[in-house]
Amino acid sequence: MDKQQDSYMTEETLIEVVENQIADGEPKKVKETLMRLVMTGTPREEAIQMMACALAIEVFDVMKNGSSFNEIRYGQHLNALPNMDWMED
């Protein structure tokens, strides 16, 4: 990954995107996931960080393979939270 691509993958940038998705209500799964995680005891900041990890997988795939953002897979990763076994793949 070159420096330009790496700059898009900062934790702060990913968290900002997740926060924007929550504010915009799109995709719906993002806000639903935050609510579910917080209601089950995960601190909001930690939940956002976990969600940013799920987003990072999709952003990385788009940059590495030139593929389209896979909202279905992103949703599957969000559904799996707080379990993050998919990070090992």
N, C-alpha and C. Protein backbone atom coordinates (compact mmCIF):
# COMPACT_ATOMS: atom_id res chain seq x y z
N MET A 1 0.86 -1.17 0.00
CA MET A 1 0.00 0.00 0.00
C MET A 1 0.90 1.23 0.00
N ASP A 2 0.64 2.19 -0.88
CA ASP A 2 1.47 3.38 -0.92
C ASP A 2 1.02 4.38 0.14
N LYS A 3 1.81 5.48 0.28
CA LYS A 3 1.52 6.45 1.34
C LYS A 3 0.17 7.11 1.17
N GLN A 4 -0.24 7.37 -0.08
CA GLN A 4 -1.55 8.00 -0.30
C GLN A 4 -2.66 7.08 0.17
N GLN A 5 -2.58 5.79 -0.18
CA GLN A 5 -3.59 4.85 0.27
C GLN A 5 -3.58 4.74 1.78
N ASP A 6 -2.39 4.69 2.37
CA ASP A 6 -2.26 4.55 3.81
C ASP A 6 -2.91 5.72 4.54
N SER A 7 -2.85 6.92 3.96
CA SER A 7 -3.44 8.09 4.61
C SER A 7 -4.95 7.99 4.72
N TYR A 8 -5.58 7.21 3.84
CA TYR A 8 -7.03 7.03 3.89
C TYR A 8 -7.44 6.02 4.96
N MET A 9 -6.49 5.27 5.47
CA MET A 9 -6.79 4.20 6.40
C MET A 9 -6.50 4.57 7.85
N THR A 10 -6.35 5.85 8.16
CA THR A 10 -6.07 6.21 9.54
C THR A 10 -7.29 5.91 10.41
N GLU A 11 -7.02 5.60 11.64
CA GLU A 11 -8.12 5.31 12.57
C GLU A 11 -9.07 6.49 12.68
N GLU A 12 -8.49 7.69 12.72
CA GLU A 12 -9.32 8.89 12.85
C GLU A 12 -10.25 9.05 11.65
N THR A 13 -9.74 8.78 10.46
CA THR A 13 -10.56 8.90 9.25
C THR A 13 -11.69 7.88 9.25
N LEU A 14 -11.37 6.65 9.61
CA LEU A 14 -12.38 5.60 9.63
C LEU A 14 -13.46 5.91 10.68
N ILE A 15 -13.04 6.39 11.84
CA ILE A 15 -14.00 6.75 12.88
C ILE A 15 -14.88 7.90 12.40
N GLU A 16 -14.29 8.86 11.72
CA GLU A 16 -15.07 9.99 11.19
C GLU A 16 -16.11 9.50 10.19
N VAL A 17 -15.73 8.56 9.35
CA VAL A 17 -16.68 8.02 8.37
C VAL A 17 -17.82 7.31 9.09
N VAL A 18 -17.50 6.51 10.09
CA VAL A 18 -18.54 5.81 10.85
C VAL A 18 -19.47 6.82 11.53
N GLU A 19 -18.90 7.85 12.13
CA GLU A 19 -19.72 8.88 12.77
C GLU A 19 -20.63 9.56 11.75
N ASN A 20 -20.11 9.82 10.55
CA ASN A 20 -20.93 10.42 9.50
C ASN A 20 -22.03 9.48 9.05
N GLN A 21 -21.73 8.19 8.96
CA GLN A 21 -22.75 7.21 8.58
C GLN A 21 -23.86 7.19 9.63
N ILE A 22 -23.50 7.29 10.89
CA ILE A 22 -24.50 7.31 11.96
C ILE A 22 -25.36 8.56 11.84
N ALA A 23 -24.72 9.70 11.65
CA ALA A 23 -25.45 10.97 11.54
C ALA A 23 -26.38 10.98 10.32
N ASP A 24 -25.91 10.40 9.21
CA ASP A 24 -26.71 10.37 7.98
C ASP A 24 -27.77 9.28 7.98
N GLY A 25 -27.60 8.28 8.87
CA GLY A 25 -28.54 7.16 8.90
C GLY A 25 -28.36 6.20 7.75
N GLU A 26 -27.22 6.26 7.08
CA GLU A 26 -26.93 5.37 5.95
C GLU A 26 -25.52 4.83 6.05
N PRO A 27 -25.32 3.57 5.90
CA PRO A 27 -26.37 2.55 5.85
C PRO A 27 -27.02 2.38 7.23
N LYS A 28 -28.28 1.98 7.21
CA LYS A 28 -29.05 1.81 8.44
C LYS A 28 -28.36 0.89 9.43
N LYS A 29 -27.71 -0.13 8.91
CA LYS A 29 -27.07 -1.14 9.75
C LYS A 29 -26.05 -0.52 10.71
N VAL A 30 -25.45 0.60 10.33
CA VAL A 30 -24.43 1.23 11.18
C VAL A 30 -25.07 1.76 12.47
N LYS A 31 -26.14 2.50 12.34
CA LYS A 31 -26.81 3.05 13.52
C LYS A 31 -27.41 1.92 14.37
N GLU A 32 -27.97 0.93 13.71
CA GLU A 32 -28.53 -0.22 14.43
C GLU A 32 -27.45 -0.94 15.23
N THR A 33 -26.28 -1.08 14.64
CA THR A 33 -25.18 -1.76 15.31
C THR A 33 -24.71 -0.97 16.51
N LEU A 34 -24.59 0.33 16.36
CA LEU A 34 -24.18 1.16 17.50
C LEU A 34 -25.18 1.02 18.63
N MET A 35 -26.45 1.11 18.33
CA MET A 35 -27.48 0.99 19.37
C MET A 35 -27.40 -0.37 20.05
N ARG A 36 -27.24 -1.43 19.26
CA ARG A 36 -27.18 -2.79 19.82
C ARG A 36 -25.97 -2.94 20.74
N LEU A 37 -24.82 -2.47 20.29
CA LEU A 37 -23.60 -2.61 21.09
C LEU A 37 -23.69 -1.81 22.39
N VAL A 38 -24.17 -0.59 22.31
CA VAL A 38 -24.28 0.25 23.51
C VAL A 38 -25.31 -0.33 24.47
N MET A 39 -26.42 -0.83 23.95
CA MET A 39 -27.47 -1.41 24.81
C MET A 39 -27.00 -2.68 25.50
N THR A 40 -25.99 -3.35 24.94
CA THR A 40 -25.49 -4.57 25.57
C THR A 40 -24.23 -4.31 26.40
N GLY A 41 -23.93 -3.02 26.65
CA GLY A 41 -22.87 -2.70 27.58
C GLY A 41 -21.54 -2.25 27.01
N THR A 42 -21.42 -2.19 25.70
CA THR A 42 -20.17 -1.72 25.11
C THR A 42 -20.14 -0.19 25.17
N PRO A 43 -19.07 0.38 25.69
CA PRO A 43 -18.98 1.84 25.68
C PRO A 43 -19.03 2.38 24.25
N ARG A 44 -19.66 3.53 24.06
CA ARG A 44 -19.85 4.08 22.72
C ARG A 44 -18.54 4.20 21.95
N GLU A 45 -17.51 4.73 22.59
CA GLU A 45 -16.22 4.92 21.91
C GLU A 45 -15.65 3.60 21.42
N GLU A 46 -15.75 2.57 22.25
CA GLU A 46 -15.26 1.24 21.87
C GLU A 46 -16.10 0.67 20.72
N ALA A 47 -17.40 0.87 20.77
CA ALA A 47 -18.27 0.39 19.70
C ALA A 47 -17.91 1.05 18.37
N ILE A 48 -17.67 2.35 18.39
CA ILE A 48 -17.30 3.07 17.17
C ILE A 48 -15.98 2.53 16.63
N GLN A 49 -15.03 2.26 17.51
CA GLN A 49 -13.74 1.71 17.08
C GLN A 49 -13.91 0.34 16.43
N MET A 50 -14.75 -0.50 17.00
CA MET A 50 -15.00 -1.81 16.42
C MET A 50 -15.65 -1.66 15.04
N MET A 51 -16.60 -0.75 14.95
CA MET A 51 -17.28 -0.53 13.67
C MET A 51 -16.30 0.02 12.63
N ALA A 52 -15.36 0.82 13.06
CA ALA A 52 -14.33 1.34 12.15
C ALA A 52 -13.46 0.20 11.62
N CYS A 53 -13.24 -0.83 12.41
CA CYS A 53 -12.49 -2.01 11.95
C CYS A 53 -13.26 -2.71 10.83
N ALA A 54 -14.56 -2.85 11.00
CA ALA A 54 -15.39 -3.47 9.96
C ALA A 54 -15.33 -2.64 8.68
N LEU A 55 -15.37 -1.34 8.82
CA LEU A 55 -15.27 -0.45 7.66
C LEU A 55 -13.90 -0.57 7.00
N ALA A 56 -12.85 -0.69 7.80
CA ALA A 56 -11.49 -0.77 7.26
C ALA A 56 -11.33 -1.95 6.30
N ILE A 57 -11.98 -3.05 6.60
CA ILE A 57 -11.90 -4.22 5.72
C ILE A 57 -12.43 -3.87 4.34
N GLU A 58 -13.53 -3.18 4.30
CA GLU A 58 -14.13 -2.81 3.01
C GLU A 58 -13.28 -1.78 2.27
N VAL A 59 -12.79 -0.80 2.98
CA VAL A 59 -11.97 0.23 2.34
C VAL A 59 -10.69 -0.40 1.79
N PHE A 60 -10.08 -1.28 2.57
CA PHE A 60 -8.86 -1.95 2.13
C PHE A 60 -9.12 -2.76 0.86
N ASP A 61 -10.24 -3.49 0.83
CA ASP A 61 -10.56 -4.30 -0.34
C ASP A 61 -10.76 -3.43 -1.58
N VAL A 62 -11.43 -2.31 -1.42
CA VAL A 62 -11.65 -1.39 -2.54
C VAL A 62 -10.31 -0.89 -3.07
N MET A 63 -9.42 -0.49 -2.16
CA MET A 63 -8.13 0.06 -2.59
C MET A 63 -7.22 -1.01 -3.17
N LYS A 64 -7.18 -2.17 -2.56
CA LYS A 64 -6.26 -3.22 -2.99
C LYS A 64 -6.71 -3.87 -4.29
N ASN A 65 -7.99 -4.16 -4.40
CA ASN A 65 -8.49 -4.94 -5.54
C ASN A 65 -9.28 -4.11 -6.55
N GLY A 66 -9.48 -2.84 -6.25
CA GLY A 66 -10.26 -2.01 -7.17
C GLY A 66 -11.71 -2.45 -7.26
N SER A 67 -12.16 -3.14 -6.23
CA SER A 67 -13.54 -3.63 -6.24
C SER A 67 -14.48 -2.55 -5.71
N SER A 68 -15.75 -2.81 -5.82
CA SER A 68 -16.76 -1.91 -5.28
C SER A 68 -16.93 -2.17 -3.79
N PHE A 69 -17.36 -1.15 -3.07
CA PHE A 69 -17.65 -1.29 -1.65
C PHE A 69 -18.75 -2.33 -1.49
N ASN A 70 -18.52 -3.32 -0.63
CA ASN A 70 -19.46 -4.42 -0.45
C ASN A 70 -20.27 -4.16 0.82
N GLU A 71 -21.42 -3.50 0.64
CA GLU A 71 -22.26 -3.14 1.79
C GLU A 71 -22.82 -4.38 2.49
N ILE A 72 -23.04 -5.43 1.75
CA ILE A 72 -23.56 -6.67 2.36
C ILE A 72 -22.52 -7.26 3.31
N ARG A 73 -21.27 -7.36 2.84
CA ARG A 73 -20.22 -7.92 3.70
C ARG A 73 -19.97 -6.99 4.89
N TYR A 74 -19.99 -5.68 4.66
CA TYR A 74 -19.84 -4.70 5.73
C TYR A 74 -20.92 -4.95 6.79
N GLY A 75 -22.15 -5.14 6.35
CA GLY A 75 -23.24 -5.43 7.27
C GLY A 75 -23.04 -6.73 8.03
N GLN A 76 -22.50 -7.73 7.36
CA GLN A 76 -22.23 -9.01 8.03
C GLN A 76 -21.19 -8.84 9.13
N HIS A 77 -20.17 -8.04 8.85
CA HIS A 77 -19.15 -7.79 9.86
C HIS A 77 -19.72 -6.98 11.02
N LEU A 78 -20.57 -6.02 10.71
CA LEU A 78 -21.23 -5.26 11.77
C LEU A 78 -22.11 -6.17 12.62
N ASN A 79 -22.83 -7.08 11.98
CA ASN A 79 -23.69 -8.02 12.71
C ASN A 79 -22.90 -8.90 13.67
N ALA A 80 -21.67 -9.22 13.31
CA ALA A 80 -20.85 -10.12 14.12
C ALA A 80 -20.28 -9.43 15.37
N LEU A 81 -20.24 -8.11 15.37
CA LEU A 81 -19.66 -7.40 16.51
C LEU A 81 -20.43 -7.68 17.79
N PRO A 82 -19.81 -7.82 18.92
CA PRO A 82 -18.42 -7.49 19.22
C PRO A 82 -17.40 -8.56 18.87
N ASN A 83 -17.85 -9.71 18.38
CA ASN A 83 -16.91 -10.74 17.93
C ASN A 83 -16.22 -10.25 16.67
N MET A 84 -14.90 -10.27 16.66
CA MET A 84 -14.15 -9.79 15.50
C MET A 84 -13.23 -10.87 14.94
N ASP A 85 -13.71 -12.12 14.92
CA ASP A 85 -12.92 -13.22 14.37
C ASP A 85 -12.57 -12.97 12.90
N TRP A 86 -13.41 -12.22 12.18
CA TRP A 86 -13.16 -11.95 10.79
C TRP A 86 -11.89 -11.13 10.57
N MET A 87 -11.36 -10.51 11.61
CA MET A 87 -10.11 -9.74 11.50
C MET A 87 -8.94 -10.68 11.22
N GLU A 88 -9.09 -11.95 11.55
CA GLU A 88 -8.01 -12.92 11.36
C GLU A 88 -7.91 -13.38 9.92
N ASP A 89 -8.95 -13.16 9.10
CA ASP A 89 -8.95 -13.62 7.71
C ASP A 89 -8.04 -12.84 6.83
